[in-house]
Amino acid sequence: MTTTEIISVAIIYLVTPICGLIYFLHLCEKMKKENVSNAPVEELFGIFGIYGMLLVIFLSALFWGWSGVALLGMVFLVFIAPLLMAWISIRLRKRKGFSKYHLFVLNAAMLYFLILPLCLVVLYFTDK
């Protein structure tokens, strides 16, 4: 592996998830400081996990092409993650007026149904 490949692997598989985890913890602390009632921590964790997985698989497929692990992750993102996002949307539908965080999580869950097909189209047309 060249130095550039090693750096890109480190960024995609280490830096990206760590940054996502740090931002998730930051949002949880913000919700705690603002005393958000019924804070959507579990839903936010699911959103970050699913979008993080989508980002890592998208970047690895974009830079190196498809692999078995990317395919398994994509199977999860196509068949299981939409069910989880729908469940999050249904759960937060009545609580969207509680705080800006509830609305953010609800919008992020519903936006998944646009972002996933867009990522799949981009990966299809840029397939190596």
N, C-alpha and C. Protein backbone atom coordinates (compact mmCIF):
# COMPACT_ATOMS: atom_id res chain seq x y z
N MET A 1 0.84 -1.19 0.00
CA MET A 1 0.00 0.00 0.00
C MET A 1 0.88 1.24 0.00
N THR A 2 0.43 2.20 -0.76
CA THR A 2 1.16 3.46 -0.79
C THR A 2 0.76 4.32 0.42
N THR A 3 1.50 5.37 0.63
CA THR A 3 1.23 6.27 1.75
C THR A 3 -0.14 6.91 1.61
N THR A 4 -0.51 7.27 0.40
CA THR A 4 -1.81 7.88 0.16
C THR A 4 -2.94 6.91 0.51
N GLU A 5 -2.80 5.65 0.14
CA GLU A 5 -3.82 4.65 0.46
C GLU A 5 -3.93 4.43 1.97
N ILE A 6 -2.80 4.41 2.65
CA ILE A 6 -2.81 4.24 4.11
C ILE A 6 -3.50 5.41 4.78
N ILE A 7 -3.22 6.61 4.31
CA ILE A 7 -3.86 7.80 4.88
C ILE A 7 -5.37 7.78 4.62
N SER A 8 -5.76 7.42 3.41
CA SER A 8 -7.19 7.38 3.10
C SER A 8 -7.91 6.29 3.90
N VAL A 9 -7.26 5.15 4.12
CA VAL A 9 -7.85 4.09 4.94
C VAL A 9 -8.03 4.59 6.37
N ALA A 10 -7.00 5.26 6.91
CA ALA A 10 -7.08 5.79 8.27
C ALA A 10 -8.19 6.82 8.41
N ILE A 11 -8.32 7.67 7.41
CA ILE A 11 -9.36 8.71 7.47
C ILE A 11 -10.75 8.08 7.39
N ILE A 12 -10.93 7.15 6.45
CA ILE A 12 -12.26 6.57 6.26
C ILE A 12 -12.67 5.67 7.42
N TYR A 13 -11.77 4.82 7.87
CA TYR A 13 -12.16 3.82 8.86
C TYR A 13 -11.89 4.22 10.31
N LEU A 14 -11.09 5.24 10.55
CA LEU A 14 -10.81 5.67 11.91
C LEU A 14 -11.32 7.07 12.21
N VAL A 15 -10.90 8.03 11.41
CA VAL A 15 -11.21 9.43 11.70
C VAL A 15 -12.70 9.70 11.54
N THR A 16 -13.31 9.20 10.48
CA THR A 16 -14.73 9.45 10.23
C THR A 16 -15.62 8.93 11.37
N PRO A 17 -15.48 7.65 11.78
CA PRO A 17 -16.32 7.19 12.89
C PRO A 17 -16.03 7.91 14.21
N ILE A 18 -14.77 8.22 14.48
CA ILE A 18 -14.43 8.92 15.72
C ILE A 18 -15.04 10.31 15.73
N CYS A 19 -14.98 11.01 14.60
CA CYS A 19 -15.60 12.34 14.51
C CYS A 19 -17.11 12.25 14.71
N GLY A 20 -17.74 11.23 14.15
CA GLY A 20 -19.17 11.04 14.34
C GLY A 20 -19.52 10.78 15.79
N LEU A 21 -18.73 9.96 16.46
CA LEU A 21 -18.96 9.66 17.87
C LEU A 21 -18.78 10.90 18.74
N ILE A 22 -17.75 11.68 18.44
CA ILE A 22 -17.51 12.91 19.20
C ILE A 22 -18.66 13.89 19.00
N TYR A 23 -19.16 14.03 17.78
CA TYR A 23 -20.27 14.94 17.53
C TYR A 23 -21.55 14.44 18.20
N PHE A 24 -21.76 13.12 18.20
CA PHE A 24 -22.91 12.56 18.89
C PHE A 24 -22.85 12.88 20.38
N LEU A 25 -21.70 12.69 21.00
CA LEU A 25 -21.55 12.99 22.42
C LEU A 25 -21.73 14.48 22.68
N HIS A 26 -21.26 15.31 21.76
CA HIS A 26 -21.44 16.76 21.88
C HIS A 26 -22.92 17.13 21.86
N LEU A 27 -23.67 16.53 20.94
CA LEU A 27 -25.12 16.80 20.87
C LEU A 27 -25.84 16.31 22.13
N CYS A 28 -25.42 15.17 22.66
CA CYS A 28 -26.02 14.67 23.89
C CYS A 28 -25.76 15.62 25.05
N GLU A 29 -24.56 16.14 25.14
CA GLU A 29 -24.24 17.12 26.19
C GLU A 29 -25.05 18.40 26.02
N LYS A 30 -25.22 18.84 24.78
CA LYS A 30 -26.03 20.03 24.52
C LYS A 30 -27.47 19.83 24.95
N MET A 31 -28.02 18.64 24.63
CA MET A 31 -29.39 18.35 25.04
C MET A 31 -29.51 18.30 26.56
N LYS A 32 -28.48 17.77 27.20
CA LYS A 32 -28.49 17.69 28.66
C LYS A 32 -28.43 19.09 29.29
N LYS A 33 -27.58 19.97 28.73
CA LYS A 33 -27.46 21.33 29.24
C LYS A 33 -28.75 22.13 29.04
N GLU A 34 -29.44 21.87 27.94
CA GLU A 34 -30.67 22.59 27.63
C GLU A 34 -31.89 21.95 28.29
N ASN A 35 -31.69 20.89 29.05
CA ASN A 35 -32.77 20.18 29.73
C ASN A 35 -33.91 19.81 28.79
N VAL A 36 -33.57 19.17 27.69
CA VAL A 36 -34.57 18.74 26.72
C VAL A 36 -35.36 17.58 27.32
N SER A 37 -36.68 17.75 27.35
CA SER A 37 -37.53 16.69 27.90
C SER A 37 -37.63 15.55 26.89
N ASN A 38 -37.55 14.33 27.40
CA ASN A 38 -37.58 13.14 26.54
C ASN A 38 -36.57 13.26 25.40
N ALA A 39 -35.33 13.55 25.74
CA ALA A 39 -34.29 13.73 24.72
C ALA A 39 -34.18 12.49 23.84
N PRO A 40 -34.12 12.68 22.54
CA PRO A 40 -34.08 11.54 21.61
C PRO A 40 -32.68 10.94 21.47
N VAL A 41 -32.08 10.52 22.58
CA VAL A 41 -30.71 10.02 22.56
C VAL A 41 -30.61 8.70 21.80
N GLU A 42 -31.51 7.76 22.09
CA GLU A 42 -31.46 6.46 21.40
C GLU A 42 -31.70 6.61 19.91
N GLU A 43 -32.66 7.45 19.57
CA GLU A 43 -32.94 7.67 18.15
C GLU A 43 -31.76 8.36 17.46
N LEU A 44 -31.16 9.31 18.16
CA LEU A 44 -29.99 10.01 17.60
C LEU A 44 -28.83 9.05 17.41
N PHE A 45 -28.65 8.12 18.34
CA PHE A 45 -27.59 7.12 18.21
C PHE A 45 -27.83 6.25 16.97
N GLY A 46 -29.08 5.85 16.76
CA GLY A 46 -29.42 5.07 15.57
C GLY A 46 -29.17 5.84 14.28
N ILE A 47 -29.55 7.11 14.29
CA ILE A 47 -29.32 7.96 13.11
C ILE A 47 -27.83 8.07 12.81
N PHE A 48 -27.03 8.34 13.85
CA PHE A 48 -25.59 8.48 13.64
C PHE A 48 -24.98 7.16 13.18
N GLY A 49 -25.43 6.05 13.76
CA GLY A 49 -24.89 4.75 13.36
C GLY A 49 -25.19 4.42 11.92
N ILE A 50 -26.42 4.64 11.51
CA ILE A 50 -26.82 4.29 10.15
C ILE A 50 -26.17 5.23 9.13
N TYR A 51 -26.20 6.53 9.40
CA TYR A 51 -25.56 7.45 8.47
C TYR A 51 -24.04 7.27 8.45
N GLY A 52 -23.46 6.94 9.60
CA GLY A 52 -22.02 6.67 9.64
C GLY A 52 -21.65 5.46 8.81
N MET A 53 -22.46 4.41 8.92
CA MET A 53 -22.21 3.22 8.12
C MET A 53 -22.37 3.53 6.63
N LEU A 54 -23.38 4.30 6.31
CA LEU A 54 -23.59 4.68 4.91
C LEU A 54 -22.40 5.48 4.38
N LEU A 55 -21.90 6.40 5.18
CA LEU A 55 -20.75 7.21 4.75
C LEU A 55 -19.50 6.37 4.57
N VAL A 56 -19.21 5.50 5.51
CA VAL A 56 -18.01 4.65 5.41
C VAL A 56 -18.11 3.72 4.20
N ILE A 57 -19.25 3.10 4.00
CA ILE A 57 -19.40 2.19 2.85
C ILE A 57 -19.36 2.97 1.54
N PHE A 58 -19.99 4.13 1.52
CA PHE A 58 -19.98 4.95 0.31
C PHE A 58 -18.55 5.35 -0.05
N LEU A 59 -17.79 5.82 0.93
CA LEU A 59 -16.42 6.25 0.65
C LEU A 59 -15.52 5.08 0.28
N SER A 60 -15.65 3.95 0.96
CA SER A 60 -14.80 2.82 0.62
C SER A 60 -15.15 2.25 -0.76
N ALA A 61 -16.43 2.22 -1.10
CA ALA A 61 -16.82 1.74 -2.43
C ALA A 61 -16.39 2.73 -3.51
N LEU A 62 -16.43 4.01 -3.18
CA LEU A 62 -16.04 5.04 -4.14
C LEU A 62 -14.53 5.00 -4.42
N PHE A 63 -13.73 4.80 -3.37
CA PHE A 63 -12.28 4.83 -3.54
C PHE A 63 -11.69 3.50 -3.97
N TRP A 64 -12.24 2.37 -3.48
CA TRP A 64 -11.62 1.09 -3.76
C TRP A 64 -12.52 0.11 -4.50
N GLY A 65 -13.75 0.42 -4.69
CA GLY A 65 -14.65 -0.52 -5.35
C GLY A 65 -15.34 -1.40 -4.33
N TRP A 66 -16.21 -2.28 -4.81
CA TRP A 66 -17.01 -3.12 -3.93
C TRP A 66 -16.18 -4.23 -3.33
N SER A 67 -16.52 -4.57 -2.10
CA SER A 67 -15.92 -5.72 -1.43
C SER A 67 -17.03 -6.50 -0.75
N GLY A 68 -16.68 -7.64 -0.19
CA GLY A 68 -17.68 -8.44 0.50
C GLY A 68 -18.24 -7.73 1.71
N VAL A 69 -17.38 -7.05 2.45
CA VAL A 69 -17.83 -6.32 3.64
C VAL A 69 -18.73 -5.15 3.24
N ALA A 70 -18.37 -4.45 2.17
CA ALA A 70 -19.21 -3.34 1.70
C ALA A 70 -20.57 -3.87 1.25
N LEU A 71 -20.58 -5.02 0.63
CA LEU A 71 -21.85 -5.60 0.20
C LEU A 71 -22.73 -5.99 1.39
N LEU A 72 -22.14 -6.57 2.42
CA LEU A 72 -22.91 -6.93 3.61
C LEU A 72 -23.47 -5.67 4.29
N GLY A 73 -22.64 -4.63 4.37
CA GLY A 73 -23.12 -3.37 4.94
C GLY A 73 -24.23 -2.76 4.11
N MET A 74 -24.11 -2.85 2.81
CA MET A 74 -25.13 -2.28 1.94
C MET A 74 -26.43 -3.07 2.03
N VAL A 75 -26.35 -4.37 2.22
CA VAL A 75 -27.56 -5.18 2.42
C VAL A 75 -28.29 -4.70 3.67
N PHE A 76 -27.53 -4.44 4.74
CA PHE A 76 -28.13 -3.89 5.96
C PHE A 76 -28.76 -2.53 5.68
N LEU A 77 -28.03 -1.67 4.98
CA LEU A 77 -28.52 -0.31 4.72
C LEU A 77 -29.74 -0.28 3.82
N VAL A 78 -29.87 -1.26 2.94
CA VAL A 78 -31.00 -1.28 2.02
C VAL A 78 -32.23 -1.97 2.60
N PHE A 79 -32.02 -3.03 3.40
CA PHE A 79 -33.15 -3.82 3.86
C PHE A 79 -33.53 -3.60 5.33
N ILE A 80 -32.58 -3.37 6.20
CA ILE A 80 -32.87 -3.24 7.64
C ILE A 80 -32.96 -1.77 8.06
N ALA A 81 -32.01 -0.96 7.61
CA ALA A 81 -31.96 0.44 8.03
C ALA A 81 -33.24 1.22 7.69
N PRO A 82 -33.87 1.02 6.52
CA PRO A 82 -35.13 1.73 6.28
C PRO A 82 -36.22 1.40 7.30
N LEU A 83 -36.25 0.16 7.76
CA LEU A 83 -37.22 -0.20 8.79
C LEU A 83 -36.91 0.53 10.10
N LEU A 84 -35.63 0.61 10.44
CA LEU A 84 -35.24 1.34 11.65
C LEU A 84 -35.55 2.83 11.53
N MET A 85 -35.28 3.39 10.36
CA MET A 85 -35.56 4.82 10.15
C MET A 85 -37.06 5.08 10.17
N ALA A 86 -37.84 4.18 9.63
CA ALA A 86 -39.30 4.35 9.68
C ALA A 86 -39.78 4.26 11.13
N TRP A 87 -39.21 3.35 11.89
CA TRP A 87 -39.58 3.21 13.29
C TRP A 87 -39.22 4.49 14.07
N ILE A 88 -38.05 5.05 13.80
CA ILE A 88 -37.65 6.31 14.44
C ILE A 88 -38.61 7.43 14.06
N SER A 89 -38.97 7.49 12.79
CA SER A 89 -39.90 8.53 12.32
C SER A 89 -41.26 8.41 13.00
N ILE A 90 -41.76 7.21 13.08
CA ILE A 90 -43.07 7.00 13.72
C ILE A 90 -43.01 7.34 15.19
N ARG A 91 -41.91 6.97 15.83
CA ARG A 91 -41.75 7.24 17.25
C ARG A 91 -41.66 8.73 17.56
N LEU A 92 -41.04 9.49 16.67
CA LEU A 92 -40.84 10.92 16.92
C LEU A 92 -41.89 11.81 16.27
N ARG A 93 -42.80 11.22 15.53
CA ARG A 93 -43.80 12.01 14.80
C ARG A 93 -44.59 12.92 15.73
N LYS A 94 -45.00 12.41 16.87
CA LYS A 94 -45.81 13.20 17.80
C LYS A 94 -44.98 14.09 18.71
N ARG A 95 -43.66 13.86 18.75
CA ARG A 95 -42.80 14.64 19.64
C ARG A 95 -41.95 15.66 18.90
N LYS A 96 -42.24 15.93 17.64
CA LYS A 96 -41.38 16.82 16.86
C LYS A 96 -41.40 18.26 17.37
N GLY A 97 -42.43 18.64 18.10
CA GLY A 97 -42.51 19.99 18.63
C GLY A 97 -41.84 20.16 19.98
N PHE A 98 -41.30 19.08 20.54
CA PHE A 98 -40.66 19.15 21.85
C PHE A 98 -39.42 20.03 21.83
N SER A 99 -38.58 19.84 20.84
CA SER A 99 -37.33 20.61 20.75
C SER A 99 -36.82 20.57 19.32
N LYS A 100 -35.79 21.38 19.09
CA LYS A 100 -35.16 21.37 17.76
C LYS A 100 -34.44 20.05 17.50
N TYR A 101 -34.03 19.35 18.56
CA TYR A 101 -33.36 18.07 18.41
C TYR A 101 -34.33 16.98 17.96
N HIS A 102 -35.54 17.01 18.49
CA HIS A 102 -36.55 16.05 18.05
C HIS A 102 -36.86 16.26 16.56
N LEU A 103 -37.00 17.52 16.17
CA LEU A 103 -37.27 17.82 14.76
C LEU A 103 -36.10 17.42 13.87
N PHE A 104 -34.87 17.66 14.34
CA PHE A 104 -33.68 17.29 13.58
C PHE A 104 -33.62 15.78 13.36
N VAL A 105 -33.87 15.02 14.42
CA VAL A 105 -33.81 13.55 14.31
C VAL A 105 -34.92 13.05 13.38
N LEU A 106 -36.10 13.62 13.50
CA LEU A 106 -37.21 13.23 12.63
C LEU A 106 -36.88 13.52 11.17
N ASN A 107 -36.37 14.72 10.89
CA ASN A 107 -36.01 15.07 9.52
C ASN A 107 -34.88 14.19 8.99
N ALA A 108 -33.89 13.90 9.83
CA ALA A 108 -32.79 13.04 9.40
C ALA A 108 -33.28 11.63 9.08
N ALA A 109 -34.22 11.13 9.87
CA ALA A 109 -34.77 9.80 9.61
C ALA A 109 -35.55 9.77 8.29
N MET A 110 -36.32 10.80 8.05
CA MET A 110 -37.11 10.82 6.80
C MET A 110 -36.22 11.10 5.58
N LEU A 111 -35.17 11.87 5.76
CA LEU A 111 -34.27 12.18 4.66
C LEU A 111 -33.50 10.96 4.17
N TYR A 112 -33.38 9.96 5.01
CA TYR A 112 -32.66 8.74 4.64
C TYR A 112 -33.26 8.11 3.38
N PHE A 113 -34.56 8.25 3.23
CA PHE A 113 -35.23 7.66 2.08
C PHE A 113 -34.92 8.40 0.77
N LEU A 114 -34.30 9.55 0.86
CA LEU A 114 -33.78 10.25 -0.32
C LEU A 114 -32.28 10.04 -0.48
N ILE A 115 -31.57 10.03 0.64
CA ILE A 115 -30.11 9.96 0.58
C ILE A 115 -29.63 8.58 0.15
N LEU A 116 -30.24 7.52 0.65
CA LEU A 116 -29.82 6.17 0.26
C LEU A 116 -29.93 5.94 -1.25
N PRO A 117 -31.09 6.21 -1.88
CA PRO A 117 -31.14 6.01 -3.34
C PRO A 117 -30.14 6.89 -4.10
N LEU A 118 -29.94 8.11 -3.61
CA LEU A 118 -28.96 8.99 -4.25
C LEU A 118 -27.56 8.40 -4.18
N CYS A 119 -27.18 7.86 -3.02
CA CYS A 119 -25.87 7.22 -2.88
C CYS A 119 -25.74 6.00 -3.79
N LEU A 120 -26.82 5.22 -3.87
CA LEU A 120 -26.78 4.04 -4.74
C LEU A 120 -26.63 4.42 -6.21
N VAL A 121 -27.30 5.48 -6.62
CA VAL A 121 -27.18 5.94 -8.02
C VAL A 121 -25.76 6.43 -8.29
N VAL A 122 -25.22 7.20 -7.37
CA VAL A 122 -23.85 7.71 -7.55
C VAL A 122 -22.87 6.54 -7.62
N LEU A 123 -23.01 5.57 -6.73
CA LEU A 123 -22.11 4.41 -6.75
C LEU A 123 -22.29 3.58 -8.03
N TYR A 124 -23.51 3.50 -8.53
CA TYR A 124 -23.75 2.76 -9.76
C TYR A 124 -23.03 3.41 -10.95
N PHE A 125 -23.10 4.72 -11.04
CA PHE A 125 -22.50 5.40 -12.18
C PHE A 125 -21.01 5.64 -12.04
N THR A 126 -20.47 5.48 -10.84
CA THR A 126 -19.03 5.64 -10.65
C THR A 126 -18.37 4.30 -10.35
N ASP A 127 -19.04 3.21 -10.64
CA ASP A 127 -18.51 1.88 -10.34
C ASP A 127 -17.21 1.66 -11.08
N LYS A 128 -16.24 1.13 -10.33
CA LYS A 128 -14.91 0.90 -10.94
C LYS A 128 -14.83 -0.49 -11.52
